[in-house]
Amino acid sequence: METRSEAAMLKQNNMKKDIHPTSYKFVVFKDMSNGHMFLSRSTASSKETVTWEDGKEYPVVKLEISNTSHPFYTGKNVLVDTAGRIDKFKKRYEKRDK
């Protein structure tokens, strides 16, 4: 009978090799709706950079929405309209109601 560690090792050996990226680096993500920024590792790249709290410069990736502005996480029912999509939607379906 196999122990838990042996089963875990067998499962680990069945994983596909060379399919995951190896070029992870530190990147700052910036929520454009509220300005919140956080540092994480990612394969995403950007030409823009920002100086982080530790004094180092990192690439910055801009996000339209993150957990600090998403209604599900904040509990607030606020619509974030970055490209006029809500107005376009209302205009499109306003015509059908008439």
PDB file of N, CA and C in Angstrom:
ATOM      1  N   MET A   1       0.843  -1.180   0.000  1.00  0.00           N
ATOM      2  CA  MET A   1       0.000   0.000   0.000  1.00  0.00           C
ATOM      3  C   MET A   1       0.886   1.241   0.000  1.00  0.00           C
ATOM      4  N   GLU A   2       0.486   2.214  -0.794  1.00  0.00           N
ATOM      5  CA  GLU A   2       1.257   3.449  -0.914  1.00  0.00           C
ATOM      6  C   GLU A   2       0.945   4.403   0.232  1.00  0.00           C
ATOM      7  N   THR A   3       1.949   5.117   0.662  1.00  0.00           N
ATOM      8  CA  THR A   3       1.714   6.173   1.644  1.00  0.00           C
ATOM      9  C   THR A   3       1.317   7.440   0.902  1.00  0.00           C
ATOM     10  N   ARG A   4       0.865   8.431   1.647  1.00  0.00           N
ATOM     11  CA  ARG A   4       0.457   9.693   1.016  1.00  0.00           C
ATOM     12  C   ARG A   4       1.597  10.341   0.239  1.00  0.00           C
ATOM     13  N   SER A   5       2.777  10.344   0.803  1.00  0.00           N
ATOM     14  CA  SER A   5       3.900  10.993   0.132  1.00  0.00           C
ATOM     15  C   SER A   5       4.268  10.263  -1.157  1.00  0.00           C
ATOM     16  N   GLU A   6       4.181   8.922  -1.161  1.00  0.00           N
ATOM     17  CA  GLU A   6       4.467   8.177  -2.379  1.00  0.00           C
ATOM     18  C   GLU A   6       3.436   8.488  -3.453  1.00  0.00           C
ATOM     19  N   ALA A   7       2.175   8.576  -3.063  1.00  0.00           N
ATOM     20  CA  ALA A   7       1.117   8.904  -4.023  1.00  0.00           C
ATOM     21  C   ALA A   7       1.312  10.304  -4.577  1.00  0.00           C
ATOM     22  N   ALA A   8       1.698  11.239  -3.722  1.00  0.00           N
ATOM     23  CA  ALA A   8       1.938  12.612  -4.179  1.00  0.00           C
ATOM     24  C   ALA A   8       3.112  12.650  -5.142  1.00  0.00           C
ATOM     25  N   MET A   9       4.156  11.866  -4.863  1.00  0.00           N
ATOM     26  CA  MET A   9       5.318  11.844  -5.746  1.00  0.00           C
ATOM     27  C   MET A   9       4.957  11.251  -7.098  1.00  0.00           C
ATOM     28  N   LEU A  10       4.132  10.206  -7.120  1.00  0.00           N
ATOM     29  CA  LEU A  10       3.716   9.607  -8.377  1.00  0.00           C
ATOM     30  C   LEU A  10       2.881  10.592  -9.190  1.00  0.00           C
ATOM     31  N   LYS A  11       1.999  11.290  -8.514  1.00  0.00           N
ATOM     32  CA  LYS A  11       1.169  12.279  -9.189  1.00  0.00           C
ATOM     33  C   LYS A  11       2.029  13.402  -9.747  1.00  0.00           C
ATOM     34  N   GLN A  12       3.035  13.828  -8.988  1.00  0.00           N
ATOM     35  CA  GLN A  12       3.913  14.911  -9.417  1.00  0.00           C
ATOM     36  C   GLN A  12       4.708  14.490 -10.657  1.00  0.00           C
ATOM     37  N   ASN A  13       5.113  13.255 -10.745  1.00  0.00           N
ATOM     38  CA  ASN A  13       5.891  12.777 -11.886  1.00  0.00           C
ATOM     39  C   ASN A  13       5.049  12.693 -13.155  1.00  0.00           C
ATOM     40  N   ASN A  14       3.730  12.656 -13.042  1.00  0.00           N
ATOM     41  CA  ASN A  14       2.861  12.569 -14.203  1.00  0.00           C
ATOM     42  C   ASN A  14       2.571  13.929 -14.829  1.00  0.00           C
ATOM     43  N   MET A  15       3.052  14.994 -14.240  1.00  0.00           N
ATOM     44  CA  MET A  15       2.796  16.326 -14.776  1.00  0.00           C
ATOM     45  C   MET A  15       3.586  16.534 -16.065  1.00  0.00           C
ATOM     46  N   LYS A  16       3.035  17.328 -16.965  1.00  0.00           N
ATOM     47  CA  LYS A  16       3.711  17.620 -18.223  1.00  0.00           C
ATOM     48  C   LYS A  16       4.914  18.517 -17.958  1.00  0.00           C
ATOM     49  N   LYS A  17       5.971  18.276 -18.683  1.00  0.00           N
ATOM     50  CA  LYS A  17       7.194  19.044 -18.516  1.00  0.00           C
ATOM     51  C   LYS A  17       7.287  20.126 -19.593  1.00  0.00           C
ATOM     52  N   ASP A  18       7.963  21.208 -19.252  1.00  0.00           N
ATOM     53  CA  ASP A  18       8.280  22.299 -20.186  1.00  0.00           C
ATOM     54  C   ASP A  18       7.057  22.986 -20.773  1.00  0.00           C
ATOM     55  N   ILE A  19       5.954  23.063 -20.020  1.00  0.00           N
ATOM     56  CA  ILE A  19       4.788  23.786 -20.527  1.00  0.00           C
ATOM     57  C   ILE A  19       4.567  25.101 -19.783  1.00  0.00           C
ATOM     58  N   HIS A  20       5.240  25.287 -18.649  1.00  0.00           N
ATOM     59  CA  HIS A  20       5.057  26.499 -17.864  1.00  0.00           C
ATOM     60  C   HIS A  20       6.154  27.503 -18.185  1.00  0.00           C
ATOM     61  N   PRO A  21       5.806  28.794 -18.234  1.00  0.00           N
ATOM     62  CA  PRO A  21       6.835  29.805 -18.523  1.00  0.00           C
ATOM     63  C   PRO A  21       7.870  29.865 -17.401  1.00  0.00           C
ATOM     64  N   THR A  22       9.073  30.211 -17.768  1.00  0.00           N
ATOM     65  CA  THR A  22      10.154  30.303 -16.786  1.00  0.00           C
ATOM     66  C   THR A  22      10.610  31.744 -16.581  1.00  0.00           C
ATOM     67  N   SER A  23      10.031  32.671 -17.311  1.00  0.00           N
ATOM     68  CA  SER A  23      10.495  34.061 -17.271  1.00  0.00           C
ATOM     69  C   SER A  23       9.670  34.932 -16.321  1.00  0.00           C
ATOM     70  N   TYR A  24       9.372  34.424 -15.125  1.00  0.00           N
ATOM     71  CA  TYR A  24       8.639  35.214 -14.145  1.00  0.00           C
ATOM     72  C   TYR A  24       9.535  36.322 -13.607  1.00  0.00           C
ATOM     73  N   LYS A  25       8.950  37.521 -13.442  1.00  0.00           N
ATOM     74  CA  LYS A  25       9.685  38.645 -12.868  1.00  0.00           C
ATOM     75  C   LYS A  25       8.706  39.476 -12.047  1.00  0.00           C
ATOM     76  N   PHE A  26       9.222  40.357 -11.207  1.00  0.00           N
ATOM     77  CA  PHE A  26       8.356  41.208 -10.410  1.00  0.00           C
ATOM     78  C   PHE A  26       7.762  42.309 -11.286  1.00  0.00           C
ATOM     79  N   VAL A  27       6.460  42.528 -11.133  1.00  0.00           N
ATOM     80  CA  VAL A  27       5.708  43.515 -11.905  1.00  0.00           C
ATOM     81  C   VAL A  27       4.745  44.218 -10.954  1.00  0.00           C
ATOM     82  N   VAL A  28       4.544  45.520 -11.150  1.00  0.00           N
ATOM     83  CA  VAL A  28       3.557  46.268 -10.384  1.00  0.00           C
ATOM     84  C   VAL A  28       2.280  46.331 -11.212  1.00  0.00           C
ATOM     85  N   PHE A  29       1.167  45.932 -10.614  1.00  0.00           N
ATOM     86  CA  PHE A  29      -0.136  46.031 -11.261  1.00  0.00           C
ATOM     87  C   PHE A  29      -0.842  47.254 -10.698  1.00  0.00           C
ATOM     88  N   LYS A  30      -1.431  48.078 -11.583  1.00  0.00           N
ATOM     89  CA  LYS A  30      -2.104  49.308 -11.156  1.00  0.00           C
ATOM     90  C   LYS A  30      -3.552  49.284 -11.620  1.00  0.00           C
ATOM     91  N   ASP A  31      -4.466  49.393 -10.670  1.00  0.00           N
ATOM     92  CA  ASP A  31      -5.893  49.478 -10.960  1.00  0.00           C
ATOM     93  C   ASP A  31      -6.177  50.916 -11.391  1.00  0.00           C
ATOM     94  N   MET A  32      -6.558  51.118 -12.635  1.00  0.00           N
ATOM     95  CA  MET A  32      -6.748  52.467 -13.171  1.00  0.00           C
ATOM     96  C   MET A  32      -8.025  53.131 -12.666  1.00  0.00           C
ATOM     97  N   SER A  33      -8.964  52.368 -12.118  1.00  0.00           N
ATOM     98  CA  SER A  33     -10.205  52.969 -11.642  1.00  0.00           C
ATOM     99  C   SER A  33     -10.048  53.620 -10.273  1.00  0.00           C
ATOM    100  N   ASN A  34      -9.066  53.161  -9.470  1.00  0.00           N
ATOM    101  CA  ASN A  34      -8.899  53.770  -8.144  1.00  0.00           C
ATOM    102  C   ASN A  34      -7.440  54.037  -7.774  1.00  0.00           C
ATOM    103  N   GLY A  35      -6.498  53.691  -8.641  1.00  0.00           N
ATOM    104  CA  GLY A  35      -5.095  53.988  -8.404  1.00  0.00           C
ATOM    105  C   GLY A  35      -4.367  53.005  -7.504  1.00  0.00           C
ATOM    106  N   HIS A  36      -5.042  51.965  -7.014  1.00  0.00           N
ATOM    107  CA  HIS A  36      -4.410  50.977  -6.131  1.00  0.00           C
ATOM    108  C   HIS A  36      -3.349  50.202  -6.907  1.00  0.00           C
ATOM    109  N   MET A  37      -2.176  50.004  -6.302  1.00  0.00           N
ATOM    110  CA  MET A  37      -1.092  49.258  -6.937  1.00  0.00           C
ATOM    111  C   MET A  37      -0.633  48.129  -6.022  1.00  0.00           C
ATOM    112  N   PHE A  38      -0.213  47.019  -6.621  1.00  0.00           N
ATOM    113  CA  PHE A  38       0.362  45.913  -5.850  1.00  0.00           C
ATOM    114  C   PHE A  38       1.452  45.244  -6.662  1.00  0.00           C
ATOM    115  N   LEU A  39       2.421  44.684  -5.939  1.00  0.00           N
ATOM    116  CA  LEU A  39       3.577  44.044  -6.548  1.00  0.00           C
ATOM    117  C   LEU A  39       3.371  42.536  -6.539  1.00  0.00           C
ATOM    118  N   SER A  40       3.637  41.904  -7.679  1.00  0.00           N
ATOM    119  CA  SER A  40       3.487  40.462  -7.797  1.00  0.00           C
ATOM    120  C   SER A  40       4.458  39.958  -8.859  1.00  0.00           C
ATOM    121  N   ARG A  41       4.600  38.644  -8.934  1.00  0.00           N
ATOM    122  CA  ARG A  41       5.415  38.065  -9.993  1.00  0.00           C
ATOM    123  C   ARG A  41       4.509  37.687 -11.159  1.00  0.00           C
ATOM    124  N   SER A  42       5.002  37.926 -12.377  1.00  0.00           N
ATOM    125  CA  SER A  42       4.192  37.672 -13.552  1.00  0.00           C
ATOM    126  C   SER A  42       5.088  37.520 -14.776  1.00  0.00           C
ATOM    127  N   THR A  43       4.512  37.005 -15.844  1.00  0.00           N
ATOM    128  CA  THR A  43       5.208  36.957 -17.128  1.00  0.00           C
ATOM    129  C   THR A  43       4.802  38.137 -17.996  1.00  0.00           C
ATOM    130  N   ALA A  44       3.860  38.956 -17.517  1.00  0.00           N
ATOM    131  CA  ALA A  44       3.400  40.129 -18.267  1.00  0.00           C
ATOM    132  C   ALA A  44       4.539  41.131 -18.394  1.00  0.00           C
ATOM    133  N   SER A  45       4.551  41.860 -19.499  1.00  0.00           N
ATOM    134  CA  SER A  45       5.604  42.851 -19.697  1.00  0.00           C
ATOM    135  C   SER A  45       4.985  44.203 -20.017  1.00  0.00           C
ATOM    136  N   SER A  46       5.764  45.240 -19.820  1.00  0.00           N
ATOM    137  CA  SER A  46       5.302  46.595 -20.082  1.00  0.00           C
ATOM    138  C   SER A  46       6.509  47.484 -20.316  1.00  0.00           C
ATOM    139  N   LYS A  47       6.328  48.504 -21.141  1.00  0.00           N
ATOM    140  CA  LYS A  47       7.405  49.459 -21.386  1.00  0.00           C
ATOM    141  C   LYS A  47       7.426  50.539 -20.311  1.00  0.00           C
ATOM    142  N   GLU A  48       6.282  50.749 -19.643  1.00  0.00           N
ATOM    143  CA  GLU A  48       6.205  51.744 -18.576  1.00  0.00           C
ATOM    144  C   GLU A  48       6.769  51.165 -17.287  1.00  0.00           C
ATOM    145  N   THR A  49       7.390  52.029 -16.482  1.00  0.00           N
ATOM    146  CA  THR A  49       7.929  51.587 -15.203  1.00  0.00           C
ATOM    147  C   THR A  49       7.468  52.522 -14.094  1.00  0.00           C
ATOM    148  N   VAL A  50       7.595  52.043 -12.861  1.00  0.00           N
ATOM    149  CA  VAL A  50       7.236  52.831 -11.690  1.00  0.00           C
ATOM    150  C   VAL A  50       8.210  52.459 -10.568  1.00  0.00           C
ATOM    151  N   THR A  51       8.512  53.430  -9.721  1.00  0.00           N
ATOM    152  CA  THR A  51       9.362  53.163  -8.568  1.00  0.00           C
ATOM    153  C   THR A  51       8.478  52.695  -7.426  1.00  0.00           C
ATOM    154  N   TRP A  52       8.787  51.512  -6.906  1.00  0.00           N
ATOM    155  CA  TRP A  52       7.982  50.894  -5.854  1.00  0.00           C
ATOM    156  C   TRP A  52       8.475  51.356  -4.488  1.00  0.00           C
ATOM    157  N   GLU A  53       7.792  50.945  -3.434  1.00  0.00           N
ATOM    158  CA  GLU A  53       8.096  51.343  -2.057  1.00  0.00           C
ATOM    159  C   GLU A  53       9.505  50.972  -1.616  1.00  0.00           C
ATOM    160  N   ASP A  54      10.077  49.932  -2.220  1.00  0.00           N
ATOM    161  CA  ASP A  54      11.424  49.509  -1.843  1.00  0.00           C
ATOM    162  C   ASP A  54      12.518  50.292  -2.559  1.00  0.00           C
ATOM    163  N   GLY A  55      12.120  51.279  -3.390  1.00  0.00           N
ATOM    164  CA  GLY A  55      13.076  52.114  -4.111  1.00  0.00           C
ATOM    165  C   GLY A  55      13.502  51.549  -5.447  1.00  0.00           C
ATOM    166  N   LYS A  56      13.077  50.331  -5.775  1.00  0.00           N
ATOM    167  CA  LYS A  56      13.432  49.711  -7.050  1.00  0.00           C
ATOM    168  C   LYS A  56      12.398  50.072  -8.103  1.00  0.00           C
ATOM    169  N   GLU A  57      12.831  50.021  -9.360  1.00  0.00           N
ATOM    170  CA  GLU A  57      11.944  50.335 -10.477  1.00  0.00           C
ATOM    171  C   GLU A  57      11.452  49.032 -11.104  1.00  0.00           C
ATOM    172  N   TYR A  58      10.130  48.949 -11.309  1.00  0.00           N
ATOM    173  CA  TYR A  58       9.507  47.753 -11.871  1.00  0.00           C
ATOM    174  C   TYR A  58       8.607  48.141 -13.036  1.00  0.00           C
ATOM    175  N   PRO A  59       8.393  47.212 -13.987  1.00  0.00           N
ATOM    176  CA  PRO A  59       7.407  47.462 -15.038  1.00  0.00           C
ATOM    177  C   PRO A  59       6.016  47.565 -14.411  1.00  0.00           C
ATOM    178  N   VAL A  60       5.156  48.421 -14.972  1.00  0.00           N
ATOM    179  CA  VAL A  60       3.804  48.577 -14.440  1.00  0.00           C
ATOM    180  C   VAL A  60       2.805  48.123 -15.502  1.00  0.00           C
ATOM    181  N   VAL A  61       1.879  47.256 -15.089  1.00  0.00           N
ATOM    182  CA  VAL A  61       0.822  46.752 -15.963  1.00  0.00           C
ATOM    183  C   VAL A  61      -0.486  47.359 -15.472  1.00  0.00           C
ATOM    184  N   LYS A  62      -1.201  48.033 -16.366  1.00  0.00           N
ATOM    185  CA  LYS A  62      -2.438  48.724 -16.000  1.00  0.00           C
ATOM    186  C   LYS A  62      -3.630  47.781 -16.133  1.00  0.00           C
ATOM    187  N   LEU A  63      -4.471  47.786 -15.104  1.00  0.00           N
ATOM    188  CA  LEU A  63      -5.678  46.967 -15.075  1.00  0.00           C
ATOM    189  C   LEU A  63      -6.908  47.864 -15.071  1.00  0.00           C
ATOM    190  N   GLU A  64      -7.977  47.434 -15.702  1.00  0.00           N
ATOM    191  CA  GLU A  64      -9.224  48.197 -15.653  1.00  0.00           C
ATOM    192  C   GLU A  64      -9.924  48.003 -14.316  1.00  0.00           C
ATOM    193  N   ILE A  65      -9.779  46.816 -13.747  1.00  0.00           N
ATOM    194  CA  ILE A  65     -10.482  46.507 -12.504  1.00  0.00           C
ATOM    195  C   ILE A  65      -9.669  45.472 -11.724  1.00  0.00           C
ATOM    196  N   SER A  66      -9.698  45.568 -10.409  1.00  0.00           N
ATOM    197  CA  SER A  66      -9.014  44.594  -9.556  1.00  0.00           C
ATOM    198  C   SER A  66      -9.915  44.286  -8.368  1.00  0.00           C
ATOM    199  N   ASN A  67      -9.405  43.532  -7.410  1.00  0.00           N
ATOM    200  CA  ASN A  67     -10.225  43.179  -6.259  1.00  0.00           C
ATOM    201  C   ASN A  67     -10.568  44.398  -5.397  1.00  0.00           C
ATOM    202  N   THR A  68      -9.819  45.493  -5.528  1.00  0.00           N
ATOM    203  CA  THR A  68     -10.113  46.688  -4.729  1.00  0.00           C
ATOM    204  C   THR A  68     -11.205  47.548  -5.337  1.00  0.00           C
ATOM    205  N   SER A  69     -11.587  47.284  -6.582  1.00  0.00           N
ATOM    206  CA  SER A  69     -12.640  48.076  -7.208  1.00  0.00           C
ATOM    207  C   SER A  69     -13.801  47.237  -7.738  1.00  0.00           C
ATOM    208  N   HIS A  70     -13.676  45.928  -7.744  1.00  0.00           N
ATOM    209  CA  HIS A  70     -14.728  45.053  -8.264  1.00  0.00           C
ATOM    210  C   HIS A  70     -15.889  44.990  -7.266  1.00  0.00           C
ATOM    211  N   PRO A  71     -17.119  45.174  -7.739  1.00  0.00           N
ATOM    212  CA  PRO A  71     -18.281  45.167  -6.834  1.00  0.00           C
ATOM    213  C   PRO A  71     -18.416  43.897  -6.002  1.00  0.00           C
ATOM    214  N   PHE A  72     -18.014  42.753  -6.524  1.00  0.00           N
ATOM    215  CA  PHE A  72     -18.135  41.510  -5.764  1.00  0.00           C
ATOM    216  C   PHE A  72     -17.277  41.555  -4.505  1.00  0.00           C
ATOM    217  N   TYR A  73     -16.069  42.083  -4.615  1.00  0.00           N
ATOM    218  CA  TYR A  73     -15.150  42.121  -3.477  1.00  0.00           C
ATOM    219  C   TYR A  73     -15.392  43.312  -2.560  1.00  0.00           C
ATOM    220  N   THR A  74     -15.862  44.420  -3.111  1.00  0.00           N
ATOM    221  CA  THR A  74     -16.047  45.617  -2.288  1.00  0.00           C
ATOM    222  C   THR A  74     -17.410  45.656  -1.618  1.00  0.00           C
ATOM    223  N   GLY A  75     -18.383  44.927  -2.163  1.00  0.00           N
ATOM    224  CA  GLY A  75     -19.730  44.952  -1.612  1.00  0.00           C
ATOM    225  C   GLY A  75     -20.525  46.164  -2.060  1.00  0.00           C
ATOM    226  N   LYS A  76     -19.932  46.987  -2.891  1.00  0.00           N
ATOM    227  CA  LYS A  76     -20.612  48.172  -3.417  1.00  0.00           C
ATOM    228  C   LYS A  76     -21.048  47.888  -4.838  1.00  0.00           C
ATOM    229  N   ASN A  77     -22.196  48.353  -5.190  1.00  0.00           N
ATOM    230  CA  ASN A  77     -22.728  48.127  -6.520  1.00  0.00           C
ATOM    231  C   ASN A  77     -22.385  49.312  -7.414  1.00  0.00           C
ATOM    232  N   VAL A  78     -21.101  49.489  -7.695  1.00  0.00           N
ATOM    233  CA  VAL A  78     -20.627  50.603  -8.503  1.00  0.00           C
ATOM    234  C   VAL A  78     -20.231  50.073  -9.871  1.00  0.00           C
ATOM    235  N   LEU A  79     -20.702  50.720 -10.906  1.00  0.00           N
ATOM    236  CA  LEU A  79     -20.334  50.324 -12.253  1.00  0.00           C
ATOM    237  C   LEU A  79     -19.118  51.121 -12.696  1.00  0.00           C
ATOM    238  N   VAL A  80     -18.100  50.420 -13.166  1.00  0.00           N
ATOM    239  CA  VAL A  80     -16.902  51.072 -13.665  1.00  0.00           C
ATOM    240  C   VAL A  80     -17.028  51.145 -15.174  1.00  0.00           C
ATOM    241  N   ASP A  81     -17.065  52.353 -15.708  1.00  0.00           N
ATOM    242  CA  ASP A  81     -17.250  52.557 -17.132  1.00  0.00           C
ATOM    243  C   ASP A  81     -16.010  53.233 -17.679  1.00  0.00           C
ATOM    244  N   THR A  82     -15.115  52.440 -18.244  1.00  0.00           N
ATOM    245  CA  THR A  82     -13.858  52.993 -18.718  1.00  0.00           C
ATOM    246  C   THR A  82     -13.900  53.374 -20.190  1.00  0.00           C
ATOM    247  N   ALA A  83     -14.838  52.852 -20.940  1.00  0.00           N
ATOM    248  CA  ALA A  83     -14.850  53.133 -22.375  1.00  0.00           C
ATOM    249  C   ALA A  83     -16.241  53.496 -22.877  1.00  0.00           C
ATOM    250  N   GLY A  84     -17.133  53.956 -22.019  1.00  0.00           N
ATOM    251  CA  GLY A  84     -18.474  54.332 -22.444  1.00  0.00           C
ATOM    252  C   GLY A  84     -19.352  53.153 -22.796  1.00  0.00           C
ATOM    253  N   ARG A  85     -19.018  51.973 -22.332  1.00  0.00           N
ATOM    254  CA  ARG A  85     -19.770  50.768 -22.694  1.00  0.00           C
ATOM    255  C   ARG A  85     -21.182  50.790 -22.133  1.00  0.00           C
ATOM    256  N   ILE A  86     -21.346  51.332 -20.942  1.00  0.00           N
ATOM    257  CA  ILE A  86     -22.668  51.363 -20.321  1.00  0.00           C
ATOM    258  C   ILE A  86     -23.604  52.275 -21.112  1.00  0.00           C
ATOM    259  N   ASP A  87     -23.095  53.431 -21.508  1.00  0.00           N
ATOM    260  CA  ASP A  87     -23.906  54.354 -22.309  1.00  0.00           C
ATOM    261  C   ASP A  87     -24.276  53.742 -23.653  1.00  0.00           C
ATOM    262  N   LYS A  88     -23.345  53.057 -24.281  1.00  0.00           N
ATOM    263  CA  LYS A  88     -23.625  52.398 -25.558  1.00  0.00           C
ATOM    264  C   LYS A  88     -24.714  51.342 -25.387  1.00  0.00           C
ATOM    265  N   PHE A  89     -24.625  50.580 -24.306  1.00  0.00           N
ATOM    266  CA  PHE A  89     -25.614  49.544 -24.022  1.00  0.00           C
ATOM    267  C   PHE A  89     -27.000  50.163 -23.832  1.00  0.00           C
ATOM    268  N   LYS A  90     -27.072  51.233 -23.030  1.00  0.00           N
ATOM    269  CA  LYS A  90     -28.358  51.891 -22.771  1.00  0.00           C
ATOM    270  C   LYS A  90     -28.957  52.455 -24.050  1.00  0.00           C
ATOM    271  N   LYS A  91     -28.140  53.079 -24.889  1.00  0.00           N
ATOM    272  CA  LYS A  91     -28.639  53.639 -26.156  1.00  0.00           C
ATOM    273  C   LYS A  91     -29.162  52.540 -27.075  1.00  0.00           C
ATOM    274  N   ARG A  92     -28.438  51.435 -27.124  1.00  0.00           N
ATOM    275  CA  ARG A  92     -28.820  50.339 -28.015  1.00  0.00           C
ATOM    276  C   ARG A  92     -30.177  49.764 -27.625  1.00  0.00           C
ATOM    277  N   TYR A  93     -30.389  49.528 -26.332  1.00  0.00           N
ATOM    278  CA  TYR A  93     -31.614  48.882 -25.906  1.00  0.00           C
ATOM    279  C   TYR A  93     -32.723  49.879 -25.570  1.00  0.00           C
ATOM    280  N   GLU A  94     -32.411  51.140 -25.536  1.00  0.00           N
ATOM    281  CA  GLU A  94     -33.419  52.179 -25.336  1.00  0.00           C
ATOM    282  C   GLU A  94     -34.335  52.240 -26.551  1.00  0.00           C
ATOM    283  N   LYS A  95     -33.772  52.030 -27.716  1.00  0.00           N
ATOM    284  CA  LYS A  95     -34.541  52.074 -28.963  1.00  0.00           C
ATOM    285  C   LYS A  95     -35.547  50.944 -29.035  1.00  0.00           C
ATOM    286  N   ARG A  96     -35.246  49.793 -28.502  1.00  0.00           N
ATOM    287  CA  ARG A  96     -36.141  48.639 -28.540  1.00  0.00           C
ATOM    288  C   ARG A  96     -37.341  48.822 -27.633  1.00  0.00           C
ATOM    289  N   ASP A  97     -37.175  49.565 -26.546  1.00  0.00           N
ATOM    290  CA  ASP A  97     -38.256  49.770 -25.592  1.00  0.00           C
ATOM    291  C   ASP A  97     -39.348  50.701 -26.138  1.00  0.00           C
ATOM    292  N   LYS A  98     -39.006  51.547 -27.070  1.00  0.00           N
ATOM    293  CA  LYS A  98     -39.958  52.534 -27.590  1.00  0.00           C
ATOM    294  C   LYS A  98     -40.871  51.979 -28.643  1.00  0.00           C
TER     295      LYS A  98
END
